[in-house]
Amino acid sequence: MALTIRAVKPTDLSVKLSLDGNLDTETVAGFEQEIQRLLADPLQTVVLDLEELHFVSSVGLGALMKLRATLSRNKTELITINLPPQIEKVLEVMRLVPVMNVFENVEELDDYLKKVQEKVIDENT
């Protein structure tokens, strides 16, 4: 199965990537090329929406970890939302869930972002 990557830039400093299909040996090169293209511009946040990701292989996991490491070096936050049960289980088995910022859905992410911003406002007043 192919992998479709939809990129939406809600702001100049953030991008939301939605993956649809499989992230495996056949599709990882296209995923990495799209990531390189998107990272040509500075970003503060990358939101990875995995709702339509059906399968991830070890090569796909490697690409996700490489993305996480690259973003960390660039001081860019990686947020993952809408994990399908099978993908969440793979991340748990590989002990990657606590390492990644994972949110159940967009609403949970928005609640988190609201709290972060309120904390900063409170600290500066």
Protein backbone atom coordinates (compact mmCIF):
# COMPACT_ATOMS: atom_id res chain seq x y z
CA MET A 1 0.00 0.00 0.00
CA ALA A 2 1.22 3.49 -0.81
CA LEU A 3 1.69 6.37 1.59
CA THR A 4 0.00 9.71 1.07
CA ILE A 5 1.40 12.66 2.99
CA ARG A 6 -0.74 15.75 3.35
CA ALA A 7 1.05 18.82 4.70
CA VAL A 8 -0.83 21.83 6.01
CA LYS A 9 0.97 24.90 7.36
CA PRO A 10 -1.42 26.65 9.74
CA THR A 11 1.34 29.16 10.53
CA ASP A 12 4.77 29.97 9.14
CA LEU A 13 6.40 28.14 12.05
CA SER A 14 4.26 25.00 12.20
CA VAL A 15 3.20 22.19 9.94
CA LYS A 16 0.68 19.37 10.31
CA LEU A 17 1.54 16.16 8.46
CA SER A 18 -1.21 13.61 7.94
CA LEU A 19 -0.05 10.14 6.91
CA ASP A 20 -2.41 7.83 5.03
CA GLY A 21 -1.29 4.29 4.19
CA ASN A 22 1.81 2.35 5.22
CA LEU A 23 5.18 3.63 6.37
CA ASP A 24 7.49 0.83 5.32
CA THR A 25 10.41 -0.06 3.05
CA GLU A 26 8.47 0.90 -0.08
CA THR A 27 7.33 4.31 1.20
CA VAL A 28 10.01 5.51 3.61
CA ALA A 29 12.12 7.26 0.94
CA GLY A 30 9.16 9.43 -0.10
CA PHE A 31 8.42 10.20 3.55
CA GLU A 32 12.02 11.25 4.19
CA GLN A 33 12.11 13.39 1.04
CA GLU A 34 8.93 15.20 2.10
CA ILE A 35 10.39 15.76 5.57
CA GLN A 36 13.59 17.24 4.10
CA ARG A 37 11.54 19.56 1.90
CA LEU A 38 9.44 20.77 4.82
CA LEU A 39 12.43 21.23 7.13
CA ALA A 40 14.12 23.55 4.65
CA ASP A 41 12.21 26.33 6.42
CA PRO A 42 12.54 26.84 10.20
CA LEU A 43 9.70 25.39 12.24
CA GLN A 44 8.75 25.47 15.91
CA THR A 45 6.21 22.65 15.80
CA VAL A 46 5.50 19.59 13.67
CA VAL A 47 2.18 17.83 14.30
CA LEU A 48 2.12 14.27 13.00
CA ASP A 49 -1.46 13.05 12.50
CA LEU A 50 -1.37 9.25 12.23
CA GLU A 51 -5.13 8.61 12.14
CA GLU A 52 -4.95 7.03 8.67
CA LEU A 53 -1.61 5.26 9.11
CA HIS A 54 -2.39 1.55 8.75
CA PHE A 55 1.02 -0.07 9.23
CA VAL A 56 4.53 0.91 10.27
CA SER A 57 7.54 -1.36 9.79
CA SER A 58 10.88 -1.22 11.58
CA VAL A 59 12.17 0.97 8.73
CA GLY A 60 9.21 3.29 9.26
CA LEU A 61 9.87 3.43 12.99
CA GLY A 62 13.47 4.29 12.20
CA ALA A 63 12.30 7.16 9.99
CA LEU A 64 10.03 8.46 12.76
CA MET A 65 12.88 8.33 15.28
CA LYS A 66 15.20 10.04 12.80
CA LEU A 67 12.57 12.76 12.36
CA ARG A 68 12.29 13.14 16.14
CA ALA A 69 16.07 13.42 16.52
CA THR A 70 16.36 15.97 13.69
CA LEU A 71 13.57 18.09 15.12
CA SER A 72 15.08 17.90 18.59
CA ARG A 73 18.43 19.17 17.26
CA ASN A 74 16.59 22.04 15.57
CA LYS A 75 14.66 22.77 18.79
CA THR A 76 11.41 21.91 16.99
CA GLU A 77 8.69 20.15 18.94
CA LEU A 78 7.18 16.94 17.52
CA ILE A 79 3.59 16.25 18.53
CA THR A 80 1.79 13.08 17.50
CA ILE A 81 -2.01 12.85 17.41
CA ASN A 82 -4.71 10.34 16.51
CA LEU A 83 -2.73 7.13 16.98
CA PRO A 84 -4.57 4.09 15.63
CA PRO A 85 -4.57 1.23 18.20
CA GLN A 86 -2.14 -0.94 16.20
CA ILE A 87 0.37 1.91 15.80
CA GLU A 88 0.05 2.88 19.45
CA LYS A 89 0.75 -0.74 20.44
CA VAL A 90 3.89 -0.85 18.27
CA LEU A 91 5.14 2.39 19.86
CA GLU A 92 4.42 1.00 23.33
CA VAL A 93 6.21 -2.28 22.59
CA MET A 94 9.22 -0.36 21.28
CA ARG A 95 9.00 1.93 24.35
CA LEU A 96 8.62 5.03 22.20
CA VAL A 97 5.33 6.38 23.58
CA PRO A 98 6.81 8.13 26.63
CA VAL A 99 9.54 9.59 24.42
CA MET A 100 7.08 11.17 21.97
CA ASN A 101 4.46 13.82 22.77
CA VAL A 102 1.32 11.84 21.98
CA PHE A 103 -2.21 13.21 22.15
CA GLU A 104 -5.41 11.29 21.55
CA ASN A 105 -6.90 13.92 19.26
CA VAL A 106 -6.78 17.58 18.25
CA GLU A 107 -8.94 18.65 21.20
CA GLU A 108 -6.53 17.11 23.70
CA LEU A 109 -3.63 18.82 21.91
CA ASP A 110 -5.44 22.18 21.98
CA ASP A 111 -6.11 21.81 25.73
CA TYR A 112 -2.40 21.13 26.30
CA LEU A 113 -1.35 24.12 24.17
CA LYS A 114 -3.79 26.36 26.01
CA LYS A 115 -2.31 25.33 29.38
CA VAL A 116 1.23 25.93 28.14
CA GLN A 117 0.36 29.41 26.96
CA GLU A 118 -1.56 30.27 30.13
CA LYS A 119 1.45 29.19 32.21
CA VAL A 120 3.75 31.49 30.24
CA ILE A 121 1.30 34.39 30.63
CA ASP A 122 1.04 33.77 34.37
CA GLU A 123 4.83 33.64 34.73
CA ASN A 124 5.20 36.96 32.92
CA THR A 125 2.56 38.92 34.83
